[in-house]
PDB file of all heavy atoms in Angstrom:
ATOM      1  N   LYS A   1     -26.884  29.858   4.484  1.00  0.00           N
ATOM      2  CA  LYS A   1     -27.275  28.563   5.074  1.00  0.00           C
ATOM      3  C   LYS A   1     -26.507  27.418   4.411  1.00  0.00           C
ATOM      4  O   LYS A   1     -25.979  26.536   5.113  1.00  0.00           O
ATOM      5  CB  LYS A   1     -28.778  28.360   4.932  1.00  0.00           C
ATOM      6  CG  LYS A   1     -29.318  27.087   5.573  1.00  0.00           C
ATOM      7  CD  LYS A   1     -30.818  27.016   5.436  1.00  0.00           C
ATOM      8  CE  LYS A   1     -31.510  25.850   6.072  1.00  0.00           C
ATOM      9  NZ  LYS A   1     -30.793  24.683   6.404  1.00  0.00           N
ATOM     10  N   LEU A   2     -26.440  27.438   3.089  1.00  0.00           N
ATOM     11  CA  LEU A   2     -25.688  26.388   2.389  1.00  0.00           C
ATOM     12  C   LEU A   2     -24.206  26.412   2.764  1.00  0.00           C
ATOM     13  O   LEU A   2     -23.568  25.365   2.876  1.00  0.00           O
ATOM     14  CB  LEU A   2     -25.865  26.541   0.870  1.00  0.00           C
ATOM     15  CG  LEU A   2     -27.253  26.182   0.341  1.00  0.00           C
ATOM     16  CD1 LEU A   2     -27.375  26.616  -1.134  1.00  0.00           C
ATOM     17  CD2 LEU A   2     -27.549  24.707   0.477  1.00  0.00           C
ATOM     18  N   SER A   3     -23.682  27.606   2.968  1.00  0.00           N
ATOM     19  CA  SER A   3     -22.286  27.739   3.382  1.00  0.00           C
ATOM     20  C   SER A   3     -22.093  27.260   4.818  1.00  0.00           C
ATOM     21  O   SER A   3     -21.167  26.484   5.110  1.00  0.00           O
ATOM     22  CB  SER A   3     -21.846  29.206   3.253  1.00  0.00           C
ATOM     23  OG  SER A   3     -20.530  29.373   3.727  1.00  0.00           O
ATOM     24  N   ASP A   4     -22.971  27.688   5.709  1.00  0.00           N
ATOM     25  CA  ASP A   4     -22.881  27.284   7.120  1.00  0.00           C
ATOM     26  C   ASP A   4     -22.979  25.766   7.259  1.00  0.00           C
ATOM     27  O   ASP A   4     -22.358  25.166   8.159  1.00  0.00           O
ATOM     28  CB  ASP A   4     -23.974  27.945   7.947  1.00  0.00           C
ATOM     29  CG  ASP A   4     -23.744  29.452   8.130  1.00  0.00           C
ATOM     30  OD1 ASP A   4     -22.635  29.935   7.812  1.00  0.00           O
ATOM     31  OD2 ASP A   4     -24.703  30.137   8.559  1.00  0.00           O
ATOM     32  N   GLU A   5     -23.767  25.118   6.408  1.00  0.00           N
ATOM     33  CA  GLU A   5     -23.960  23.667   6.483  1.00  0.00           C
ATOM     34  C   GLU A   5     -22.878  22.891   5.723  1.00  0.00           C
ATOM     35  O   GLU A   5     -22.918  21.656   5.668  1.00  0.00           O
ATOM     36  CB  GLU A   5     -25.354  23.291   6.007  1.00  0.00           C
ATOM     37  CG  GLU A   5     -26.428  23.800   6.946  1.00  0.00           C
ATOM     38  CD  GLU A   5     -27.850  23.500   6.465  1.00  0.00           C
ATOM     39  OE1 GLU A   5     -28.012  22.940   5.351  1.00  0.00           O
ATOM     40  OE2 GLU A   5     -28.799  23.851   7.195  1.00  0.00           O
ATOM     41  N   GLY A   6     -21.933  23.611   5.093  1.00  0.00           N
ATOM     42  CA  GLY A   6     -20.802  22.967   4.448  1.00  0.00           C
ATOM     43  C   GLY A   6     -21.031  22.490   3.021  1.00  0.00           C
ATOM     44  O   GLY A   6     -20.198  21.805   2.447  1.00  0.00           O
ATOM     45  N   TYR A   7     -22.166  22.851   2.426  1.00  0.00           N
ATOM     46  CA  TYR A   7     -22.425  22.456   1.041  1.00  0.00           C
ATOM     47  C   TYR A   7     -21.630  23.295   0.048  1.00  0.00           C
ATOM     48  O   TYR A   7     -21.271  22.808  -1.027  1.00  0.00           O
ATOM     49  CB  TYR A   7     -23.917  22.584   0.712  1.00  0.00           C
ATOM     50  CG  TYR A   7     -24.776  21.570   1.436  1.00  0.00           C
ATOM     51  CD1 TYR A   7     -25.540  21.952   2.534  1.00  0.00           C
ATOM     52  CD2 TYR A   7     -24.820  20.255   1.027  1.00  0.00           C
ATOM     53  CE1 TYR A   7     -26.318  21.030   3.215  1.00  0.00           C
ATOM     54  CE2 TYR A   7     -25.593  19.306   1.683  1.00  0.00           C
ATOM     55  CZ  TYR A   7     -26.347  19.715   2.788  1.00  0.00           C
ATOM     56  OH  TYR A   7     -27.107  18.799   3.443  1.00  0.00           O
ATOM     57  N   ILE A   8     -21.420  24.566   0.376  1.00  0.00           N
ATOM     58  CA  ILE A   8     -20.657  25.466  -0.490  1.00  0.00           C
ATOM     59  C   ILE A   8     -19.697  26.277   0.373  1.00  0.00           C
ATOM     60  O   ILE A   8     -19.802  26.270   1.597  1.00  0.00           O
ATOM     61  CB  ILE A   8     -21.581  26.413  -1.308  1.00  0.00           C
ATOM     62  CG1 ILE A   8     -22.363  27.358  -0.387  1.00  0.00           C
ATOM     63  CG2 ILE A   8     -22.523  25.616  -2.204  1.00  0.00           C
ATOM     64  CD1 ILE A   8     -23.184  28.413  -1.113  1.00  0.00           C
ATOM     65  N   ASN A   9     -18.784  26.951  -0.280  1.00  0.00           N
ATOM     66  CA  ASN A   9     -17.833  27.835   0.406  1.00  0.00           C
ATOM     67  C   ASN A   9     -18.117  29.263  -0.013  1.00  0.00           C
ATOM     68  O   ASN A   9     -18.650  29.515  -1.102  1.00  0.00           O
ATOM     69  CB  ASN A   9     -16.398  27.465   0.032  1.00  0.00           C
ATOM     70  CG  ASN A   9     -16.053  26.059   0.433  1.00  0.00           C
ATOM     71  OD1 ASN A   9     -16.093  25.721   1.591  1.00  0.00           O
ATOM     72  ND2 ASN A   9     -15.736  25.223  -0.546  1.00  0.00           N
ATOM     73  N   ARG A  10     -17.715  30.199   0.829  1.00  0.00           N
ATOM     74  CA  ARG A  10     -17.835  31.605   0.469  1.00  0.00           C
ATOM     75  C   ARG A  10     -16.688  32.359   1.085  1.00  0.00           C
ATOM     76  O   ARG A  10     -16.164  31.987   2.143  1.00  0.00           O
ATOM     77  CB  ARG A  10     -19.174  32.198   0.882  1.00  0.00           C
ATOM     78  CG  ARG A  10     -19.336  32.439   2.354  1.00  0.00           C
ATOM     79  CD  ARG A  10     -20.698  33.079   2.641  1.00  0.00           C
ATOM     80  NE  ARG A  10     -20.742  33.469   4.046  1.00  0.00           N
ATOM     81  CZ  ARG A  10     -21.668  34.236   4.544  1.00  0.00           C
ATOM     82  NH1 ARG A  10     -22.631  34.709   3.784  1.00  0.00           N
ATOM     83  NH2 ARG A  10     -21.665  34.541   5.829  1.00  0.00           N
ATOM     84  N   LYS A  11     -16.303  33.410   0.379  1.00  0.00           N
ATOM     85  CA  LYS A  11     -15.221  34.269   0.861  1.00  0.00           C
ATOM     86  C   LYS A  11     -15.424  35.653   0.283  1.00  0.00           C
ATOM     87  O   LYS A  11     -15.893  35.796  -0.862  1.00  0.00           O
ATOM     88  CB  LYS A  11     -13.866  33.711   0.442  1.00  0.00           C
ATOM     89  CG  LYS A  11     -12.715  34.509   1.028  1.00  0.00           C
ATOM     90  CD  LYS A  11     -11.392  33.851   0.804  1.00  0.00           C
ATOM     91  CE  LYS A  11     -10.368  34.780   1.436  1.00  0.00           C
ATOM     92  NZ  LYS A  11      -9.038  34.337   1.303  1.00  0.00           N
ATOM     93  N   MET A  12     -15.051  36.663   1.047  1.00  0.00           N
ATOM     94  CA  MET A  12     -15.132  38.043   0.584  1.00  0.00           C
ATOM     95  C   MET A  12     -13.969  38.329  -0.368  1.00  0.00           C
ATOM     96  O   MET A  12     -12.832  37.983  -0.089  1.00  0.00           O
ATOM     97  CB  MET A  12     -15.023  39.018   1.771  1.00  0.00           C
ATOM     98  CG  MET A  12     -16.285  39.136   2.541  1.00  0.00           C
ATOM     99  SD  MET A  12     -17.386  40.266   1.695  1.00  0.00           S
ATOM    100  CE  MET A  12     -18.399  40.734   3.057  1.00  0.00           C
ATOM    101  N   PHE A  13     -14.315  38.942  -1.488  1.00  0.00           N
ATOM    102  CA  PHE A  13     -13.312  39.383  -2.462  1.00  0.00           C
ATOM    103  C   PHE A  13     -13.677  40.766  -2.958  1.00  0.00           C
ATOM    104  O   PHE A  13     -14.857  41.108  -3.016  1.00  0.00           O
ATOM    105  CB  PHE A  13     -13.240  38.435  -3.675  1.00  0.00           C
ATOM    106  CG  PHE A  13     -12.602  37.128  -3.395  1.00  0.00           C
ATOM    107  CD1 PHE A  13     -13.380  36.007  -3.129  1.00  0.00           C
ATOM    108  CD2 PHE A  13     -11.224  36.985  -3.418  1.00  0.00           C
ATOM    109  CE1 PHE A  13     -12.803  34.776  -2.890  1.00  0.00           C
ATOM    110  CE2 PHE A  13     -10.638  35.754  -3.171  1.00  0.00           C
ATOM    111  CZ  PHE A  13     -11.426  34.648  -2.908  1.00  0.00           C
ATOM    112  N   ASN A  14     -12.670  41.521  -3.365  1.00  0.00           N
ATOM    113  CA  ASN A  14     -12.890  42.789  -4.036  1.00  0.00           C
ATOM    114  C   ASN A  14     -13.020  42.454  -5.513  1.00  0.00           C
ATOM    115  O   ASN A  14     -12.071  42.010  -6.144  1.00  0.00           O
ATOM    116  CB  ASN A  14     -11.718  43.742  -3.771  1.00  0.00           C
ATOM    117  CG  ASN A  14     -11.954  45.104  -4.359  1.00  0.00           C
ATOM    118  OD1 ASN A  14     -12.029  45.254  -5.577  1.00  0.00           O
ATOM    119  ND2 ASN A  14     -12.061  46.100  -3.497  1.00  0.00           N
ATOM    120  N   VAL A  15     -14.225  42.660  -6.052  1.00  0.00           N
ATOM    121  CA  VAL A  15     -14.485  42.302  -7.443  1.00  0.00           C
ATOM    122  C   VAL A  15     -14.639  43.585  -8.250  1.00  0.00           C
ATOM    123  O   VAL A  15     -15.480  44.419  -7.956  1.00  0.00           O
ATOM    124  CB  VAL A  15     -15.775  41.461  -7.550  1.00  0.00           C
ATOM    125  CG1 VAL A  15     -16.080  41.119  -8.997  1.00  0.00           C
ATOM    126  CG2 VAL A  15     -15.642  40.190  -6.722  1.00  0.00           C
ATOM    127  N   GLU A  16     -13.774  43.730  -9.275  1.00  0.00           N
ATOM    128  CA  GLU A  16     -13.798  44.889 -10.172  1.00  0.00           C
ATOM    129  C   GLU A  16     -13.769  46.219  -9.440  1.00  0.00           C
ATOM    130  O   GLU A  16     -14.462  47.157  -9.795  1.00  0.00           O
ATOM    131  CB  GLU A  16     -15.036  44.833 -11.080  1.00  0.00           C
ATOM    132  CG  GLU A  16     -14.920  43.800 -12.155  1.00  0.00           C
ATOM    133  CD  GLU A  16     -16.031  43.970 -13.189  1.00  0.00           C
ATOM    134  OE1 GLU A  16     -16.685  45.008 -13.239  1.00  0.00           O
ATOM    135  OE2 GLU A  16     -16.209  43.038 -13.966  1.00  0.00           O
ATOM    136  N   GLY A  17     -12.989  46.292  -8.391  1.00  0.00           N
ATOM    137  CA  GLY A  17     -12.847  47.555  -7.678  1.00  0.00           C
ATOM    138  C   GLY A  17     -14.074  47.972  -6.889  1.00  0.00           C
ATOM    139  O   GLY A  17     -14.143  49.077  -6.385  1.00  0.00           O
ATOM    140  N   THR A  18     -15.057  47.096  -6.766  1.00  0.00           N
ATOM    141  CA  THR A  18     -16.235  47.422  -5.981  1.00  0.00           C
ATOM    142  C   THR A  18     -15.935  47.142  -4.519  1.00  0.00           C
ATOM    143  O   THR A  18     -14.851  46.657  -4.179  1.00  0.00           O
ATOM    144  CB  THR A  18     -17.450  46.530  -6.378  1.00  0.00           C
ATOM    145  OG1 THR A  18     -17.131  45.177  -6.070  1.00  0.00           O
ATOM    146  CG2 THR A  18     -17.782  46.677  -7.835  1.00  0.00           C
ATOM    147  N   LYS A  19     -16.884  47.411  -3.684  1.00  0.00           N
ATOM    148  CA  LYS A  19     -16.698  47.016  -2.289  1.00  0.00           C
ATOM    149  C   LYS A  19     -16.584  45.498  -2.245  1.00  0.00           C
ATOM    150  O   LYS A  19     -16.959  44.809  -3.181  1.00  0.00           O
ATOM    151  CB  LYS A  19     -17.846  47.510  -1.439  1.00  0.00           C
ATOM    152  CG  LYS A  19     -19.193  46.908  -1.820  1.00  0.00           C
ATOM    153  CD  LYS A  19     -20.292  47.452  -0.969  1.00  0.00           C
ATOM    154  CE  LYS A  19     -21.591  46.756  -1.393  1.00  0.00           C
ATOM    155  NZ  LYS A  19     -22.715  47.168  -0.655  1.00  0.00           N
ATOM    156  N   ASN A  20     -16.092  44.996  -1.143  1.00  0.00           N
ATOM    157  CA  ASN A  20     -15.969  43.551  -1.020  1.00  0.00           C
ATOM    158  C   ASN A  20     -17.332  42.902  -1.094  1.00  0.00           C
ATOM    159  O   ASN A  20     -18.327  43.429  -0.607  1.00  0.00           O
ATOM    160  CB  ASN A  20     -15.291  43.199   0.311  1.00  0.00           C
ATOM    161  CG  ASN A  20     -13.822  43.511   0.270  1.00  0.00           C
ATOM    162  OD1 ASN A  20     -13.237  43.654  -0.778  1.00  0.00           O
ATOM    163  ND2 ASN A  20     -13.228  43.617   1.447  1.00  0.00           N
ATOM    164  N   MET A  21     -17.375  41.742  -1.741  1.00  0.00           N
ATOM    165  CA  MET A  21     -18.611  40.970  -1.830  1.00  0.00           C
ATOM    166  C   MET A  21     -18.274  39.494  -1.666  1.00  0.00           C
ATOM    167  O   MET A  21     -17.155  39.073  -1.938  1.00  0.00           O
ATOM    168  CB  MET A  21     -19.334  41.213  -3.151  1.00  0.00           C
ATOM    169  CG  MET A  21     -18.626  40.678  -4.366  1.00  0.00           C
ATOM    170  SD  MET A  21     -19.581  40.755  -5.903  1.00  0.00           S
ATOM    171  CE  MET A  21     -19.865  42.475  -6.094  1.00  0.00           C
ATOM    172  N   TYR A  22     -19.271  38.738  -1.234  1.00  0.00           N
ATOM    173  CA  TYR A  22     -19.070  37.301  -1.111  1.00  0.00           C
ATOM    174  C   TYR A  22     -19.071  36.671  -2.503  1.00  0.00           C
ATOM    175  O   TYR A  22     -19.904  36.971  -3.338  1.00  0.00           O
ATOM    176  CB  TYR A  22     -20.179  36.635  -0.293  1.00  0.00           C
ATOM    177  CG  TYR A  22     -19.985  36.768   1.197  1.00  0.00           C
ATOM    178  CD1 TYR A  22     -20.880  37.499   1.957  1.00  0.00           C
ATOM    179  CD2 TYR A  22     -18.905  36.149   1.827  1.00  0.00           C
ATOM    180  CE1 TYR A  22     -20.707  37.618   3.334  1.00  0.00           C
ATOM    181  CE2 TYR A  22     -18.728  36.261   3.186  1.00  0.00           C
ATOM    182  CZ  TYR A  22     -19.634  36.992   3.943  1.00  0.00           C
ATOM    183  OH  TYR A  22     -19.453  37.108   5.295  1.00  0.00           O
ATOM    184  N   VAL A  23     -18.121  35.773  -2.688  1.00  0.00           N
ATOM    185  CA  VAL A  23     -18.060  34.930  -3.874  1.00  0.00           C
ATOM    186  C   VAL A  23     -18.237  33.499  -3.368  1.00  0.00           C
ATOM    187  O   VAL A  23     -17.596  33.086  -2.388  1.00  0.00           O
ATOM    188  CB  VAL A  23     -16.712  35.112  -4.617  1.00  0.00           C
ATOM    189  CG1 VAL A  23     -16.586  34.103  -5.747  1.00  0.00           C
ATOM    190  CG2 VAL A  23     -16.583  36.532  -5.136  1.00  0.00           C
ATOM    191  N   TYR A  24     -19.123  32.774  -4.030  1.00  0.00           N
ATOM    192  CA  TYR A  24     -19.470  31.416  -3.600  1.00  0.00           C
ATOM    193  C   TYR A  24     -18.840  30.421  -4.568  1.00  0.00           C
ATOM    194  O   TYR A  24     -18.812  30.653  -5.778  1.00  0.00           O
ATOM    195  CB  TYR A  24     -20.998  31.252  -3.588  1.00  0.00           C
ATOM    196  CG  TYR A  24     -21.641  32.229  -2.638  1.00  0.00           C
ATOM    197  CD1 TYR A  24     -22.036  33.491  -3.057  1.00  0.00           C
ATOM    198  CD2 TYR A  24     -21.834  31.895  -1.301  1.00  0.00           C
ATOM    199  CE1 TYR A  24     -22.596  34.410  -2.170  1.00  0.00           C
ATOM    200  CE2 TYR A  24     -22.410  32.800  -0.416  1.00  0.00           C
ATOM    201  CZ  TYR A  24     -22.774  34.050  -0.847  1.00  0.00           C
ATOM    202  OH  TYR A  24     -23.316  34.948   0.029  1.00  0.00           O
ATOM    203  N   PHE A  25     -18.335  29.328  -4.006  1.00  0.00           N
ATOM    204  CA  PHE A  25     -17.662  28.311  -4.806  1.00  0.00           C
ATOM    205  C   PHE A  25     -17.810  26.974  -4.126  1.00  0.00           C
ATOM    206  O   PHE A  25     -18.117  26.895  -2.936  1.00  0.00           O
ATOM    207  CB  PHE A  25     -16.202  28.697  -5.039  1.00  0.00           C
ATOM    208  CG  PHE A  25     -15.430  29.026  -3.793  1.00  0.00           C
ATOM    209  CD1 PHE A  25     -14.633  28.080  -3.180  1.00  0.00           C
ATOM    210  CD2 PHE A  25     -15.506  30.288  -3.213  1.00  0.00           C
ATOM    211  CE1 PHE A  25     -13.920  28.360  -2.032  1.00  0.00           C
ATOM    212  CE2 PHE A  25     -14.798  30.600  -2.078  1.00  0.00           C
ATOM    213  CZ  PHE A  25     -13.996  29.638  -1.463  1.00  0.00           C
ATOM    214  N   LEU A  26     -17.583  25.883  -4.881  1.00  0.00           N
ATOM    215  CA  LEU A  26     -17.788  24.555  -4.359  1.00  0.00           C
ATOM    216  C   LEU A  26     -16.538  23.956  -3.724  1.00  0.00           C
ATOM    217  O   LEU A  26     -16.570  23.428  -2.631  1.00  0.00           O
ATOM    218  CB  LEU A  26     -18.293  23.597  -5.431  1.00  0.00           C
ATOM    219  CG  LEU A  26     -19.744  23.748  -5.820  1.00  0.00           C
ATOM    220  CD1 LEU A  26     -20.095  22.697  -6.869  1.00  0.00           C
ATOM    221  CD2 LEU A  26     -20.659  23.603  -4.632  1.00  0.00           C
ATOM    222  N   ASP A  27     -15.442  23.978  -4.453  1.00  0.00           N
ATOM    223  CA  ASP A  27     -14.278  23.265  -3.981  1.00  0.00           C
ATOM    224  C   ASP A  27     -13.173  24.219  -3.624  1.00  0.00           C
ATOM    225  O   ASP A  27     -13.328  25.033  -2.734  1.00  0.00           O
ATOM    226  CB  ASP A  27     -13.852  22.194  -4.990  1.00  0.00           C
ATOM    227  CG  ASP A  27     -14.123  22.602  -6.417  1.00  0.00           C
ATOM    228  OD1 ASP A  27     -13.882  23.763  -6.776  1.00  0.00           O
ATOM    229  OD2 ASP A  27     -14.606  21.756  -7.215  1.00  0.00           O
ATOM    230  N   LYS A  28     -12.072  24.162  -4.324  1.00  0.00           N
ATOM    231  CA  LYS A  28     -10.944  25.007  -3.939  1.00  0.00           C
ATOM    232  C   LYS A  28     -11.238  26.479  -4.211  1.00  0.00           C
ATOM    233  O   LYS A  28     -11.957  26.830  -5.145  1.00  0.00           O
ATOM    234  CB  LYS A  28      -9.659  24.565  -4.632  1.00  0.00           C
ATOM    235  CG  LYS A  28      -9.665  24.673  -6.139  1.00  0.00           C
ATOM    236  CD  LYS A  28      -8.371  24.164  -6.717  1.00  0.00           C
ATOM    237  CE  LYS A  28      -8.399  24.315  -8.225  1.00  0.00           C
ATOM    238  NZ  LYS A  28      -7.198  23.882  -8.856  1.00  0.00           N
ATOM    239  N   GLN A  29     -10.648  27.305  -3.379  1.00  0.00           N
ATOM    240  CA  GLN A  29     -10.854  28.742  -3.466  1.00  0.00           C
ATOM    241  C   GLN A  29     -10.340  29.265  -4.807  1.00  0.00           C
ATOM    242  O   GLN A  29      -9.265  28.905  -5.251  1.00  0.00           O
ATOM    243  CB  GLN A  29     -10.086  29.420  -2.326  1.00  0.00           C
ATOM    244  CG  GLN A  29     -10.219  30.913  -2.321  1.00  0.00           C
ATOM    245  CD  GLN A  29      -9.523  31.525  -1.107  1.00  0.00           C
ATOM    246  OE1 GLN A  29      -9.751  31.100   0.008  1.00  0.00           O
ATOM    247  NE2 GLN A  29      -8.670  32.491  -1.345  1.00  0.00           N
ATOM    248  N   PRO A  30     -11.135  30.123  -5.456  1.00  0.00           N
ATOM    249  CA  PRO A  30     -10.688  30.674  -6.746  1.00  0.00           C
ATOM    250  C   PRO A  30      -9.469  31.568  -6.577  1.00  0.00           C
ATOM    251  O   PRO A  30      -9.276  32.170  -5.514  1.00  0.00           O
ATOM    252  CB  PRO A  30     -11.884  31.472  -7.255  1.00  0.00           C
ATOM    253  CG  PRO A  30     -12.809  31.606  -6.095  1.00  0.00           C
ATOM    254  CD  PRO A  30     -12.431  30.609  -5.070  1.00  0.00           C
ATOM    255  N   LYS A  31      -8.661  31.624  -7.614  1.00  0.00           N
ATOM    256  CA  LYS A  31      -7.489  32.504  -7.579  1.00  0.00           C
ATOM    257  C   LYS A  31      -7.963  33.948  -7.677  1.00  0.00           C
ATOM    258  O   LYS A  31      -8.797  34.278  -8.519  1.00  0.00           O
ATOM    259  CB  LYS A  31      -6.534  32.173  -8.726  1.00  0.00           C
ATOM    260  CG  LYS A  31      -5.927  30.823  -8.590  1.00  0.00           C
ATOM    261  CD  LYS A  31      -4.989  30.499  -9.733  1.00  0.00           C
ATOM    262  CE  LYS A  31      -4.412  29.123  -9.524  1.00  0.00           C
ATOM    263  NZ  LYS A  31      -3.654  28.647 -10.652  1.00  0.00           N
ATOM    264  N   LYS A  32      -7.412  34.774  -6.841  1.00  0.00           N
ATOM    265  CA  LYS A  32      -7.835  36.174  -6.737  1.00  0.00           C
ATOM    266  C   LYS A  32      -7.777  36.890  -8.081  1.00  0.00           C
ATOM    267  O   LYS A  32      -8.698  37.618  -8.449  1.00  0.00           O
ATOM    268  CB  LYS A  32      -6.951  36.880  -5.708  1.00  0.00           C
ATOM    269  CG  LYS A  32      -7.426  38.214  -5.298  1.00  0.00           C
ATOM    270  CD  LYS A  32      -6.556  38.763  -4.166  1.00  0.00           C
ATOM    271  CE  LYS A  32      -7.073  40.103  -3.715  1.00  0.00           C
ATOM    272  NZ  LYS A  32      -6.272  40.627  -2.600  1.00  0.00           N
ATOM    273  N   LYS A  33      -6.726  36.641  -8.854  1.00  0.00           N
ATOM    274  CA  LYS A  33      -6.580  37.358 -10.122  1.00  0.00           C
ATOM    275  C   LYS A  33      -7.545  36.854 -11.215  1.00  0.00           C
ATOM    276  O   LYS A  33      -7.729  37.510 -12.224  1.00  0.00           O
ATOM    277  CB  LYS A  33      -5.136  37.313 -10.619  1.00  0.00           C
ATOM    278  CG  LYS A  33      -4.654  35.957 -11.038  1.00  0.00           C
ATOM    279  CD  LYS A  33      -3.221  36.038 -11.534  1.00  0.00           C
ATOM    280  CE  LYS A  33      -2.802  34.714 -12.116  1.00  0.00           C
ATOM    281  NZ  LYS A  33      -1.521  34.786 -12.773  1.00  0.00           N
ATOM    282  N   LEU A  34      -8.168  35.689 -11.003  1.00  0.00           N
ATOM    283  CA  LEU A  34      -9.082  35.141 -12.001  1.00  0.00           C
ATOM    284  C   LEU A  34     -10.560  35.278 -11.642  1.00  0.00           C
ATOM    285  O   LEU A  34     -11.419  34.899 -12.416  1.00  0.00           O
ATOM    286  CB  LEU A  34      -8.771  33.660 -12.245  1.00  0.00           C
ATOM    287  CG  LEU A  34      -7.455  33.350 -12.916  1.00  0.00           C
ATOM    288  CD1 LEU A  34      -7.247  31.848 -13.019  1.00  0.00           C
ATOM    289  CD2 LEU A  34      -7.371  34.002 -14.283  1.00  0.00           C
TER     290      LEU A  34
END
């Protein structure tokens, strides 16, 4: 809901070799390697 309303951002990432999961962030998209 917070993402849909534009308060936060979310994107699917592969974290630690797991299945893809949403990562939530406020401003610019995090760098994949970090």
